C-alpha atoms as a PDB file:
ATOM      1  CA  MET A   1      97.183 155.222  45.827  1.00  0.00           C
ATOM      2  CA  ARG A   2      95.847 151.671  45.951  1.00  0.00           C
ATOM      3  CA  ASN A   3      97.172 149.322  48.616  1.00  0.00           C
ATOM      4  CA  LEU A   4      99.137 146.490  46.975  1.00  0.00           C
ATOM      5  CA  LYS A   5      97.377 143.916  49.138  1.00  0.00           C
ATOM      6  CA  ASP A   6      94.031 145.144  47.804  1.00  0.00           C
ATOM      7  CA  VAL A   7      95.285 144.675  44.246  1.00  0.00           C
ATOM      8  CA  GLN A   8      96.481 141.168  45.061  1.00  0.00           C
ATOM      9  CA  ALA A   9      93.059 140.367  46.526  1.00  0.00           C
ATOM     10  CA  MET A  10      91.434 141.609  43.321  1.00  0.00           C
ATOM     11  CA  MET A  11      93.614 139.268  41.290  1.00  0.00           C
ATOM     12  CA  GLU A  12      92.782 136.335  43.527  1.00  0.00           C
ATOM     13  CA  ALA A  13      89.061 137.078  43.219  1.00  0.00           C
ATOM     14  CA  VAL A  14      89.274 136.291  39.494  1.00  0.00           C
ATOM     15  CA  GLY A  15      91.384 133.152  39.918  1.00  0.00           C
ATOM     16  CA  VAL A  16      94.915 134.520  39.454  1.00  0.00           C
ATOM     17  CA  PRO A  17      97.368 134.237  42.382  1.00  0.00           C
ATOM     18  CA  GLY A  18      98.087 137.608  43.942  1.00  0.00           C
ATOM     19  CA  ARG A  19     101.728 136.737  44.538  1.00  0.00           C
ATOM     20  CA  ASP A  20     104.298 134.260  43.340  1.00  0.00           C
ATOM     21  CA  ALA A  21     104.038 131.056  45.376  1.00  0.00           C
ATOM     22  CA  TYR A  22     107.100 131.376  47.600  1.00  0.00           C
ATOM     23  CA  ASN A  23     105.936 128.479  49.776  1.00  0.00           C
ATOM     24  CA  LEU A  24     106.208 126.174  46.734  1.00  0.00           C
ATOM     25  CA  PRO A  25     102.997 124.218  47.346  1.00  0.00           C
ATOM     26  CA  THR A  26     102.709 120.694  45.994  1.00  0.00           C
ATOM     27  CA  SER A  27     100.456 120.491  42.964  1.00  0.00           C
ATOM     28  CA  GLY A  28      97.348 118.419  43.504  1.00  0.00           C
ATOM     29  CA  GLN A  29      97.026 117.593  39.811  1.00  0.00           C
ATOM     30  CA  THR A  30      98.432 114.758  37.693  1.00  0.00           C
ATOM     31  CA  PHE A  31      98.056 113.408  34.186  1.00  0.00           C
ATOM     32  CA  PRO A  32      95.055 111.067  33.703  1.00  0.00           C
ATOM     33  CA  ASP A  33      97.415 108.076  34.064  1.00  0.00           C
ATOM     34  CA  GLY A  34      98.570 109.303  37.509  1.00  0.00           C
ATOM     35  CA  GLY A  35     101.942 110.531  36.276  1.00  0.00           C
ATOM     36  CA  HIS A  36     103.460 113.782  37.513  1.00  0.00           C
ATOM     37  CA  TYR A  37     105.868 114.330  34.636  1.00  0.00           C
ATOM     38  CA  ARG A  38     106.566 113.321  31.048  1.00  0.00           C
ATOM     39  CA  MET A  39     109.491 113.719  28.635  1.00  0.00           C
ATOM     40  CA  GLU A  40     109.453 115.899  25.525  1.00  0.00           C
ATOM     41  CA  ILE A  41     112.175 116.168  22.874  1.00  0.00           C
ATOM     42  CA  SER A  42     112.248 118.826  20.161  1.00  0.00           C
ATOM     43  CA  GLY A  43     113.879 118.986  16.749  1.00  0.00           C
ATOM     44  CA  ILE A  44     112.617 115.757  15.165  1.00  0.00           C
ATOM     45  CA  GLU A  45     113.043 117.231  11.703  1.00  0.00           C
ATOM     46  CA  ARG A  46     113.096 114.177   9.418  1.00  0.00           C
ATOM     47  CA  PRO A  47     111.929 110.545   9.488  1.00  0.00           C
ATOM     48  CA  ASN A  48     115.509 109.369  10.099  1.00  0.00           C
ATOM     49  CA  VAL A  49     115.723 111.564  13.221  1.00  0.00           C
ATOM     50  CA  LEU A  50     112.480 110.028  14.509  1.00  0.00           C
ATOM     51  CA  GLU A  51     113.843 106.556  13.783  1.00  0.00           C
ATOM     52  CA  ALA A  52     117.020 107.266  15.779  1.00  0.00           C
ATOM     53  CA  VAL A  53     115.114 108.694  18.765  1.00  0.00           C
ATOM     54  CA  ILE A  54     112.737 105.722  18.889  1.00  0.00           C
ATOM     55  CA  ASP A  55     115.663 103.303  18.689  1.00  0.00           C
ATOM     56  CA  GLU A  56     117.542 105.077  21.498  1.00  0.00           C
ATOM     57  CA  MET A  57     114.395 105.258  23.645  1.00  0.00           C
ATOM     58  CA  GLN A  58     113.929 101.508  23.330  1.00  0.00           C
ATOM     59  CA  LYS A  59     117.607 100.765  24.032  1.00  0.00           C
ATOM     60  CA  ARG A  60     117.606 102.903  27.183  1.00  0.00           C
ATOM     61  CA  LYS A  61     114.138 101.791  28.282  1.00  0.00           C
ATOM     62  CA  ILE A  62     113.083 105.371  29.018  1.00  0.00           C
ATOM     63  CA  ALA A  63     109.626 106.641  28.116  1.00  0.00           C
ATOM     64  CA  ILE A  64     109.643 109.564  25.679  1.00  0.00           C
ATOM     65  CA  HIS A  65     106.096 110.814  25.445  1.00  0.00           C
ATOM     66  CA  ARG A  66     106.123 113.777  23.071  1.00  0.00           C
ATOM     67  CA  LEU A  67     108.207 114.812  20.084  1.00  0.00           C
ATOM     68  CA  ILE A  68     108.081 118.378  18.763  1.00  0.00           C
ATOM     69  CA  SER A  69     108.537 117.703  15.089  1.00  0.00           C
ATOM     70  CA  VAL A  70     109.530 119.376  11.814  1.00  0.00           C
ATOM     71  CA  VAL A  71     110.118 122.735  13.487  1.00  0.00           C
ATOM     72  CA  MET A  72     111.421 123.977  10.141  1.00  0.00           C
ATOM     73  CA  GLY A  73     107.833 123.614   8.865  1.00  0.00           C
ATOM     74  CA  SER A  74     105.864 120.552   7.802  1.00  0.00           C
ATOM     75  CA  SER A  75     105.405 122.007   4.324  1.00  0.00           C
ATOM     76  CA  LEU A  76     109.056 121.074   3.655  1.00  0.00           C
ATOM     77  CA  LEU A  77     108.325 117.328   3.876  1.00  0.00           C
ATOM     78  CA  ASP A  78     106.466 115.573   1.085  1.00  0.00           C
ATOM     79  CA  ASP A  79     103.428 113.382   1.657  1.00  0.00           C
ATOM     80  CA  ALA A  80     105.433 110.154   1.564  1.00  0.00           C
ATOM     81  CA  GLU A  81     107.829 111.436   4.225  1.00  0.00           C
ATOM     82  CA  LEU A  82     104.945 112.565   6.429  1.00  0.00           C
ATOM     83  CA  ARG A  83     103.168 109.221   6.027  1.00  0.00           C
ATOM     84  CA  ASP A  84     106.323 107.389   7.106  1.00  0.00           C
ATOM     85  CA  PHE A  85     106.684 109.816  10.010  1.00  0.00           C
ATOM     86  CA  ALA A  86     103.109 109.221  11.195  1.00  0.00           C
ATOM     87  CA  GLN A  87     103.368 105.441  10.845  1.00  0.00           C
ATOM     88  CA  MET A  88     106.649 105.199  12.778  1.00  0.00           C
ATOM     89  CA  ALA A  89     105.274 107.331  15.596  1.00  0.00           C
ATOM     90  CA  ALA A  90     102.031 105.336  15.734  1.00  0.00           C
ATOM     91  CA  ASP A  91     103.944 102.045  15.841  1.00  0.00           C
ATOM     92  CA  ALA A  92     106.125 103.410  18.672  1.00  0.00           C
ATOM     93  CA  ASN A  93     103.185 104.963  20.593  1.00  0.00           C
ATOM     94  CA  VAL A  94     104.698 108.434  20.812  1.00  0.00           C
ATOM     95  CA  GLU A  95     102.890 111.755  20.539  1.00  0.00           C
ATOM     96  CA  ILE A  96     103.837 114.005  17.643  1.00  0.00           C
ATOM     97  CA  ILE A  97     103.344 117.760  17.868  1.00  0.00           C
ATOM     98  CA  MET A  98     103.757 118.879  14.281  1.00  0.00           C
ATOM     99  CA  THR A  99     104.961 122.387  13.497  1.00  0.00           C
ATOM    100  CA  PRO A 100     102.919 123.645  10.552  1.00  0.00           C
ATOM    101  CA  GLY A 101     104.555 125.915   8.001  1.00  0.00           C
ATOM    102  CA  PRO A 102     104.864 128.315   6.342  1.00  0.00           C
ATOM    103  CA  ARG A 103     104.970 130.613   9.366  1.00  0.00           C
ATOM    104  CA  SER A 104     105.443 134.326   9.906  1.00  0.00           C
ATOM    105  CA  GLY A 105     109.226 134.039   9.790  1.00  0.00           C
ATOM    106  CA  TRP A 106     108.924 133.128   6.095  1.00  0.00           C
ATOM    107  CA  ASP A 107     106.503 135.956   5.245  1.00  0.00           C
ATOM    108  CA  VAL A 108     107.467 138.960   3.085  1.00  0.00           C
ATOM    109  CA  GLY A 109     107.165 141.418   6.006  1.00  0.00           C
ATOM    110  CA  ARG A 110     110.513 142.106   7.674  1.00  0.00           C
ATOM    111  CA  GLN A 111     109.482 143.969  10.834  1.00  0.00           C
ATOM    112  CA  LEU A 112     109.861 140.701  12.688  1.00  0.00           C
ATOM    113  CA  VAL A 113     113.609 140.511  12.076  1.00  0.00           C
ATOM    114  CA  THR A 114     114.440 144.056  13.189  1.00  0.00           C
ATOM    115  CA  PRO A 115     115.746 144.583  16.761  1.00  0.00           C
ATOM    116  CA  GLU A 116     112.682 146.542  17.832  1.00  0.00           C
ATOM    117  CA  GLY A 117     110.114 144.913  15.574  1.00  0.00           C
ATOM    118  CA  GLY A 118     110.944 141.512  16.999  1.00  0.00           C
ATOM    119  CA  LEU A 119     109.494 142.616  20.326  1.00  0.00           C
ATOM    120  CA  SER A 120     106.046 142.553  18.716  1.00  0.00           C
ATOM    121  CA  GLY A 121     106.238 138.772  18.591  1.00  0.00           C
ATOM    122  CA  LEU A 122     105.563 136.041  16.070  1.00  0.00           C
ATOM    123  CA  ARG A 123     102.036 136.445  14.733  1.00  0.00           C
ATOM    124  CA  PHE A 124     100.325 135.555  11.481  1.00  0.00           C
ATOM    125  CA  ARG A 125      99.880 138.565   9.222  1.00  0.00           C
ATOM    126  CA  GLY A 126      96.466 138.842   7.586  1.00  0.00           C
ATOM    127  CA  SER A 127      93.929 136.225   6.585  1.00  0.00           C
ATOM    128  CA  ASP A 128      96.013 134.768   3.747  1.00  0.00           C
ATOM    129  CA  GLN A 129      98.725 133.660   6.168  1.00  0.00           C
ATOM    130  CA  LEU A 130      96.106 132.155   8.489  1.00  0.00           C
ATOM    131  CA  SER A 131      94.575 130.250   5.589  1.00  0.00           C
ATOM    132  CA  TYR A 132      98.004 128.896   4.572  1.00  0.00           C
ATOM    133  CA  VAL A 133      98.792 127.507   8.008  1.00  0.00           C
ATOM    134  CA  ILE A 134      95.305 126.014   8.463  1.00  0.00           C
ATOM    135  CA  ALA A 135      95.587 124.353   5.047  1.00  0.00           C
ATOM    136  CA  GLU A 136      98.911 122.843   6.133  1.00  0.00           C
ATOM    137  CA  ILE A 137      97.390 121.607   9.398  1.00  0.00           C
ATOM    138  CA  LEU A 138      94.518 119.988   7.466  1.00  0.00           C
ATOM    139  CA  ARG A 139      97.056 118.340   5.155  1.00  0.00           C
ATOM    140  CA  CYS A 140      98.816 116.848   8.179  1.00  0.00           C
ATOM    141  CA  VAL A 141      95.504 115.796   9.756  1.00  0.00           C
ATOM    142  CA  ASP A 142      94.622 113.904   6.581  1.00  0.00           C
ATOM    143  CA  LEU A 143      97.975 112.106   6.855  1.00  0.00           C
ATOM    144  CA  GLY A 144      97.226 111.081  10.449  1.00  0.00           C
ATOM    145  CA  PHE A 145      98.714 113.737  12.747  1.00  0.00           C
ATOM    146  CA  ARG A 146      96.738 114.947  15.762  1.00  0.00           C
ATOM    147  CA  GLY A 147      99.047 117.384  17.602  1.00  0.00           C
ATOM    148  CA  PHE A 148     100.130 120.841  16.431  1.00  0.00           C
ATOM    149  CA  LEU A 149     102.302 123.678  17.689  1.00  0.00           C
ATOM    150  CA  ALA A 150     100.877 127.207  17.764  1.00  0.00           C
ATOM    151  CA  ILE A 151     102.436 130.579  18.582  1.00  0.00           C
ATOM    152  CA  ASP A 152      99.641 132.963  17.661  1.00  0.00           C
ATOM    153  CA  GLU A 153      96.740 133.228  20.158  1.00  0.00           C
ATOM    154  CA  GLY A 154      94.446 134.135  17.274  1.00  0.00           C
ATOM    155  CA  LEU A 155      95.322 130.856  15.572  1.00  0.00           C
ATOM    156  CA  VAL A 156      94.685 128.921  18.804  1.00  0.00           C
ATOM    157  CA  TRP A 157      91.206 130.465  19.042  1.00  0.00           C
ATOM    158  CA  LEU A 158      90.473 129.854  15.365  1.00  0.00           C
ATOM    159  CA  LEU A 159      91.535 126.214  15.484  1.00  0.00           C
ATOM    160  CA  ASN A 160      89.329 125.658  18.528  1.00  0.00           C
ATOM    161  CA  GLU A 161      86.379 127.198  16.694  1.00  0.00           C
ATOM    162  CA  LEU A 162      87.040 124.876  13.738  1.00  0.00           C
ATOM    163  CA  LYS A 163      87.043 121.934  16.144  1.00  0.00           C
ATOM    164  CA  LYS A 164      83.636 123.030  17.440  1.00  0.00           C
ATOM    165  CA  ARG A 165      82.323 123.119  13.860  1.00  0.00           C
ATOM    166  CA  GLY A 166      83.712 119.678  13.077  1.00  0.00           C
ATOM    167  CA  ASP A 167      86.194 121.018  10.511  1.00  0.00           C
ATOM    168  CA  LEU A 168      89.030 119.661  12.667  1.00  0.00           C
ATOM    169  CA  PRO A 169      88.843 116.341  14.549  1.00  0.00           C
ATOM    170  CA  GLU A 170      87.892 116.692  18.202  1.00  0.00           C
ATOM    171  CA  ASP A 171      91.030 114.818  19.291  1.00  0.00           C
ATOM    172  CA  VAL A 172      93.418 117.407  17.801  1.00  0.00           C
ATOM    173  CA  VAL A 173      95.693 118.851  20.519  1.00  0.00           C
ATOM    174  CA  ILE A 174      97.057 122.394  20.296  1.00  0.00           C
ATOM    175  CA  LYS A 175     100.291 123.110  22.166  1.00  0.00           C
ATOM    176  CA  VAL A 176     101.370 126.744  22.642  1.00  0.00           C
ATOM    177  CA  SER A 177     105.050 127.467  22.056  1.00  0.00           C
ATOM    178  CA  ILE A 178     107.587 129.316  24.221  1.00  0.00           C
ATOM    179  CA  PHE A 179     107.689 131.869  21.401  1.00  0.00           C
ATOM    180  CA  ALA A 180     104.211 133.045  22.429  1.00  0.00           C
ATOM    181  CA  GLY A 181     106.024 134.598  25.399  1.00  0.00           C
ATOM    182  CA  HIS A 182     103.604 133.922  28.267  1.00  0.00           C
ATOM    183  CA  ALA A 183     104.998 133.957  31.799  1.00  0.00           C
ATOM    184  CA  SER A 184     102.117 134.240  34.280  1.00  0.00           C
ATOM    185  CA  ALA A 185      98.956 132.528  35.466  1.00  0.00           C
ATOM    186  CA  ALA A 186      96.906 135.207  33.702  1.00  0.00           C
ATOM    187  CA  GLY A 187      98.571 134.400  30.369  1.00  0.00           C
ATOM    188  CA  GLY A 188      98.065 130.706  30.978  1.00  0.00           C
ATOM    189  CA  ARG A 189      94.376 131.202  31.699  1.00  0.00           C
ATOM    190  CA  VAL A 190      93.974 133.140  28.450  1.00  0.00           C
ATOM    191  CA  LEU A 191      95.529 130.303  26.476  1.00  0.00           C
ATOM    192  CA  GLN A 192      93.457 127.712  28.324  1.00  0.00           C
ATOM    193  CA  SER A 193      90.255 129.663  27.627  1.00  0.00           C
ATOM    194  CA  LEU A 194      91.130 129.843  23.908  1.00  0.00           C
ATOM    195  CA  GLY A 195      91.422 126.068  23.637  1.00  0.00           C
ATOM    196  CA  ALA A 196      95.109 125.319  24.234  1.00  0.00           C
ATOM    197  CA  GLY A 197      95.663 121.792  25.497  1.00  0.00           C
ATOM    198  CA  THR A 198      99.119 122.494  26.931  1.00  0.00           C
ATOM    199  CA  PHE A 199     101.400 125.520  27.093  1.00  0.00           C
ATOM    200  CA  ASN A 200     105.070 126.405  27.343  1.00  0.00           C
ATOM    201  CA  PRO A 201     105.853 129.354  29.662  1.00  0.00           C
ATOM    202  CA  LEU A 202     109.128 131.212  29.328  1.00  0.00           C
ATOM    203  CA  GLY A 203     112.054 128.975  30.175  1.00  0.00           C
ATOM    204  CA  ASP A 204     113.844 131.036  32.818  1.00  0.00           C
ATOM    205  CA  LEU A 205     111.073 131.468  35.389  1.00  0.00           C
ATOM    206  CA  SER A 206     111.803 130.901  39.078  1.00  0.00           C
ATOM    207  CA  LEU A 207     110.199 128.057  41.029  1.00  0.00           C
ATOM    208  CA  PRO A 208     107.795 130.450  42.875  1.00  0.00           C
ATOM    209  CA  GLN A 209     106.751 131.938  39.532  1.00  0.00           C
ATOM    210  CA  LEU A 210     106.132 128.483  38.054  1.00  0.00           C
ATOM    211  CA  ALA A 211     104.181 127.449  41.154  1.00  0.00           C
ATOM    212  CA  SER A 212     101.940 130.505  40.833  1.00  0.00           C
ATOM    213  CA  ILE A 213     101.175 129.589  37.205  1.00  0.00           C
ATOM    214  CA  ARG A 214     100.161 126.089  38.273  1.00  0.00           C
ATOM    215  CA  GLN A 215      97.790 127.570  40.864  1.00  0.00           C
ATOM    216  CA  GLY A 216      95.995 129.494  38.106  1.00  0.00           C
ATOM    217  CA  VAL A 217      95.714 126.931  35.278  1.00  0.00           C
ATOM    218  CA  ASP A 218      94.639 123.321  34.833  1.00  0.00           C
ATOM    219  CA  ILE A 219      96.331 122.366  31.560  1.00  0.00           C
ATOM    220  CA  PRO A 220      99.773 120.704  31.539  1.00  0.00           C
ATOM    221  CA  LEU A 221     102.818 122.982  31.685  1.00  0.00           C
ATOM    222  CA  ASP A 222     105.669 122.387  29.247  1.00  0.00           C
ATOM    223  CA  LEU A 223     108.848 123.262  31.123  1.00  0.00           C
ATOM    224  CA  HIS A 224     112.253 123.739  29.546  1.00  0.00           C
ATOM    225  CA  ILE A 225     114.707 121.843  31.713  1.00  0.00           C
ATOM    226  CA  MET A 226     117.462 122.322  29.133  1.00  0.00           C
ATOM    227  CA  LEU A 227     117.441 125.142  26.589  1.00  0.00           C
ATOM    228  CA  SER A 228     119.655 126.434  23.783  1.00  0.00           C
ATOM    229  CA  ASP A 229     122.450 128.993  24.104  1.00  0.00           C
ATOM    230  CA  SER A 230     120.312 131.470  22.150  1.00  0.00           C
ATOM    231  CA  PHE A 231     117.829 131.466  25.050  1.00  0.00           C
ATOM    232  CA  GLY A 232     120.472 131.630  27.767  1.00  0.00           C
ATOM    233  CA  GLY A 233     121.850 128.117  27.593  1.00  0.00           C
ATOM    234  CA  PHE A 234     120.617 126.781  30.917  1.00  0.00           C
ATOM    235  CA  ASN A 235     120.446 123.337  32.478  1.00  0.00           C
ATOM    236  CA  ARG A 236     117.913 122.804  35.283  1.00  0.00           C
ATOM    237  CA  PHE A 237     118.346 119.063  35.786  1.00  0.00           C
ATOM    238  CA  TYR A 238     118.657 119.446  39.564  1.00  0.00           C
ATOM    239  CA  ASP A 239     115.477 121.554  39.660  1.00  0.00           C
ATOM    240  CA  GLY A 240     113.590 118.709  38.014  1.00  0.00           C
ATOM    241  CA  ALA A 241     112.135 117.096  41.127  1.00  0.00           C
ATOM    242  CA  GLU A 242     110.839 120.383  42.532  1.00  0.00           C
ATOM    243  CA  MET A 243     109.520 121.444  39.136  1.00  0.00           C
ATOM    244  CA  ALA A 244     107.569 118.193  38.870  1.00  0.00           C
ATOM    245  CA  ARG A 245     106.284 118.442  42.437  1.00  0.00           C
ATOM    246  CA  ILE A 246     104.941 121.987  42.151  1.00  0.00           C
ATOM    247  CA  CYS A 247     103.952 121.995  38.459  1.00  0.00           C
ATOM    248  CA  SER A 248     102.466 118.532  37.925  1.00  0.00           C
ATOM    249  CA  PRO A 249     101.243 117.624  35.367  1.00  0.00           C
ATOM    250  CA  CYS A 250     104.203 118.824  33.331  1.00  0.00           C
ATOM    251  CA  TYR A 251     106.329 117.927  30.343  1.00  0.00           C
ATOM    252  CA  PHE A 252     110.087 118.331  30.625  1.00  0.00           C
ATOM    253  CA  LYS A 253     111.369 119.916  27.437  1.00  0.00           C
ATOM    254  CA  ILE A 254     114.882 118.946  26.352  1.00  0.00           C
ATOM    255  CA  GLU A 255     116.075 121.429  23.737  1.00  0.00           C
ATOM    256  CA  PRO A 256     119.824 122.166  23.908  1.00  0.00           C
ATOM    257  CA  GLY A 257     121.972 123.543  21.092  1.00  0.00           C
ATOM    258  CA  THR A 258     123.402 126.759  19.732  1.00  0.00           C
ATOM    259  CA  ALA A 259     120.120 128.253  18.481  1.00  0.00           C
ATOM    260  CA  LEU A 260     116.689 126.951  17.528  1.00  0.00           C
ATOM    261  CA  VAL A 261     115.107 128.797  14.609  1.00  0.00           C
ATOM    262  CA  ALA A 262     116.941 132.135  14.347  1.00  0.00           C
ATOM    263  CA  GLY A 263     120.533 133.113  13.609  1.00  0.00           C
ATOM    264  CA  GLY A 264     123.452 131.446  11.914  1.00  0.00           C
ATOM    265  CA  GLY A 265     123.577 128.508  14.306  1.00  0.00           C
ATOM    266  CA  ALA A 266     119.864 127.667  14.087  1.00  0.00           C
ATOM    267  CA  MET A 267     119.335 123.914  14.147  1.00  0.00           C
ATOM    268  CA  TYR A 268     115.793 123.718  12.805  1.00  0.00           C
ATOM    269  CA  LYS A 269     116.513 124.737   9.221  1.00  0.00           C
ATOM    270  CA  PRO A 270     116.092 122.578   6.098  1.00  0.00           C
ATOM    271  CA  TRP A 271     119.816 122.739   5.253  1.00  0.00           C
ATOM    272  CA  VAL A 272     120.989 121.256   8.586  1.00  0.00           C
ATOM    273  CA  SER A 273     122.319 117.707   8.204  1.00  0.00           C
ATOM    274  CA  PRO A 274     119.676 115.095   9.075  1.00  0.00           C
ATOM    275  CA  GLU A 275     122.452 112.774  10.241  1.00  0.00           C
ATOM    276  CA  SER A 276     123.727 115.265  12.808  1.00  0.00           C
ATOM    277  CA  LEU A 277     120.183 115.883  14.053  1.00  0.00           C
ATOM    278  CA  ALA A 278     119.652 112.133  14.413  1.00  0.00           C
ATOM    279  CA  GLN A 279     122.797 111.752  16.524  1.00  0.00           C
ATOM    280  CA  PHE A 280     121.823 114.757  18.622  1.00  0.00           C
ATOM    281  CA  GLY A 281     118.373 113.198  19.086  1.00  0.00           C
ATOM    282  CA  ARG A 282     120.033 110.183  20.682  1.00  0.00           C
ATOM    283  CA  GLU A 283     121.869 112.506  23.094  1.00  0.00           C
ATOM    284  CA  LYS A 284     118.573 114.111  24.094  1.00  0.00           C
ATOM    285  CA  VAL A 285     117.126 110.691  24.924  1.00  0.00           C
ATOM    286  CA  LYS A 286     120.140 110.099  27.174  1.00  0.00           C
ATOM    287  CA  TYR A 287     119.430 113.415  28.900  1.00  0.00           C
ATOM    288  CA  ALA A 288     115.836 112.282  29.505  1.00  0.00           C
ATOM    289  CA  GLN A 289     117.147 109.170  31.225  1.00  0.00           C
ATOM    290  CA  ILE A 290     119.472 111.265  33.412  1.00  0.00           C
ATOM    291  CA  ILE A 291     116.656 113.667  34.354  1.00  0.00           C
ATOM    292  CA  HIS A 292     114.395 110.775  35.316  1.00  0.00           C
ATOM    293  CA  GLU A 293     117.116 109.157  37.434  1.00  0.00           C
ATOM    294  CA  LEU A 294     117.839 112.442  39.251  1.00  0.00           C
ATOM    295  CA  ILE A 295     114.150 112.997  39.984  1.00  0.00           C
ATOM    296  CA  GLN A 296     113.764 109.488  41.352  1.00  0.00           C
ATOM    297  CA  ALA A 297     116.863 109.874  43.526  1.00  0.00           C
ATOM    298  CA  THR A 298     115.490 113.138  44.945  1.00  0.00           C
ATOM    299  CA  ASN A 299     111.773 112.360  45.276  1.00  0.00           C
ATOM    300  CA  PRO A 300     110.803 108.767  44.421  1.00  0.00           C
ATOM    301  CA  ASP A 301     107.126 109.543  45.109  1.00  0.00           C
ATOM    302  CA  LEU A 302     106.987 111.419  41.803  1.00  0.00           C
ATOM    303  CA  LYS A 303     105.822 109.263  38.908  1.00  0.00           C
ATOM    304  CA  LEU A 304     106.897 109.294  35.296  1.00  0.00           C
ATOM    305  CA  SER A 305     103.882 108.636  33.061  1.00  0.00           C
ATOM    306  CA  PRO A 306     103.998 105.215  31.417  1.00  0.00           C
ATOM    307  CA  HIS A 307     104.913 104.979  27.781  1.00  0.00           C
ATOM    308  CA  GLY A 308     102.060 105.430  25.295  1.00  0.00           C
ATOM    309  CA  SER A 309      99.434 106.870  27.659  1.00  0.00           C
ATOM    310  CA  PRO A 310      95.946 106.959  26.076  1.00  0.00           C
ATOM    311  CA  ASP A 311      95.573 110.758  26.225  1.00  0.00           C
ATOM    312  CA  LEU A 312      98.623 111.394  24.035  1.00  0.00           C
ATOM    313  CA  ALA A 313      98.137 112.809  20.523  1.00  0.00           C
ATOM    314  CA  ILE A 314      99.576 109.735  18.830  1.00  0.00           C
ATOM    315  CA  PRO A 315      99.196 109.824  15.029  1.00  0.00           C
ATOM    316  CA  LYS A 316      96.404 107.835  13.374  1.00  0.00           C
ATOM    317  CA  PRO A 317      97.750 107.040   9.919  1.00  0.00           C
END
C-alpha cells in the first residue's frame, strides 16, 4: 500500500498541493490594478435591472466590477435590448459576463432533470448544441459584449481555439460557472489550461480548501460569499477578509434568493418580474457595500479594485 505522504509528494511534483492549506498562507497575487478583491452581482436579466444596479452603485459609491447577466439566456433578449444593455454597461464602466442560450437545460434530452442523471452535470449534447451556443456568443460579440459564462469544459476549449484562429476577438473573457462543479486545484488547473480567464469553485469550500486552490492556479477565483437557498443558503460575510487574503485575486459573488435556475422558485427565468429583479439588484449592491466595510474593518491592508479597471471585459458597443 502506498504511503499517503508519497502520494502527496507526487501531487506536489506536478504543481497541485498535496494537502489543503491549513496554515492559510497569504496569497502573493493581486489583480493588475493592485486590488485583492472585486465585487460581482448575478441576475442582471433585463436592461432595467442593469439600470437599477448602476444607479444604486453610484448612489452608494461602491465599485461593482462584474455583472453576470441574462442568466435565463441571451437569446431571450432582442438585438435592441442587447444594444441598450451593452451601451449602459460601457457608459458605466462595468464588466458584463453574458450567459449565452439556449443551453442544455432547454434541450430535448431529459436525463439532466432526473435525480440520478443530474449528477452527470450540465454539458452540451452533440455538435448542433455547440453550434447554437457559439452562434449566440458571436451574436453578442457583434453587439459589443466581451465576457461570457461557460459550464462545459469542451466549450471552454473550443472557444479558446476559436480565439487562436481569430474567429473570436482576443479580448473575449471566458468565466467558468459554479455549475461546472470544480472544487480543487487540479480542477482549476484544467480550466486554466483550457483557456478559462476566471473560475467559480463550489460555494461551500472551507478556507484551507480555498487556499489550496489558490496555491495551484493563477487565474482569479470567483467566490460565493452569499448564495441561494437552493445551494444551502449561506452567508460568509465575516469570512470575507480571510477569503480575500488567501485567495487574492478574487471576485466576491453575491447571489442570494430562493433558487437560481432550477425549481419552482428559480429567479433567472423569463417569466420572473423585471421590476422585482431590479429591486433585488439594489439590495445586492447594498450587500456589496456591507462586505467591503466588513473587510476594511477586519484587514484594512486589503484593497478593493478601483471602479472600471482596464482589464475588465467591459462591452464595446
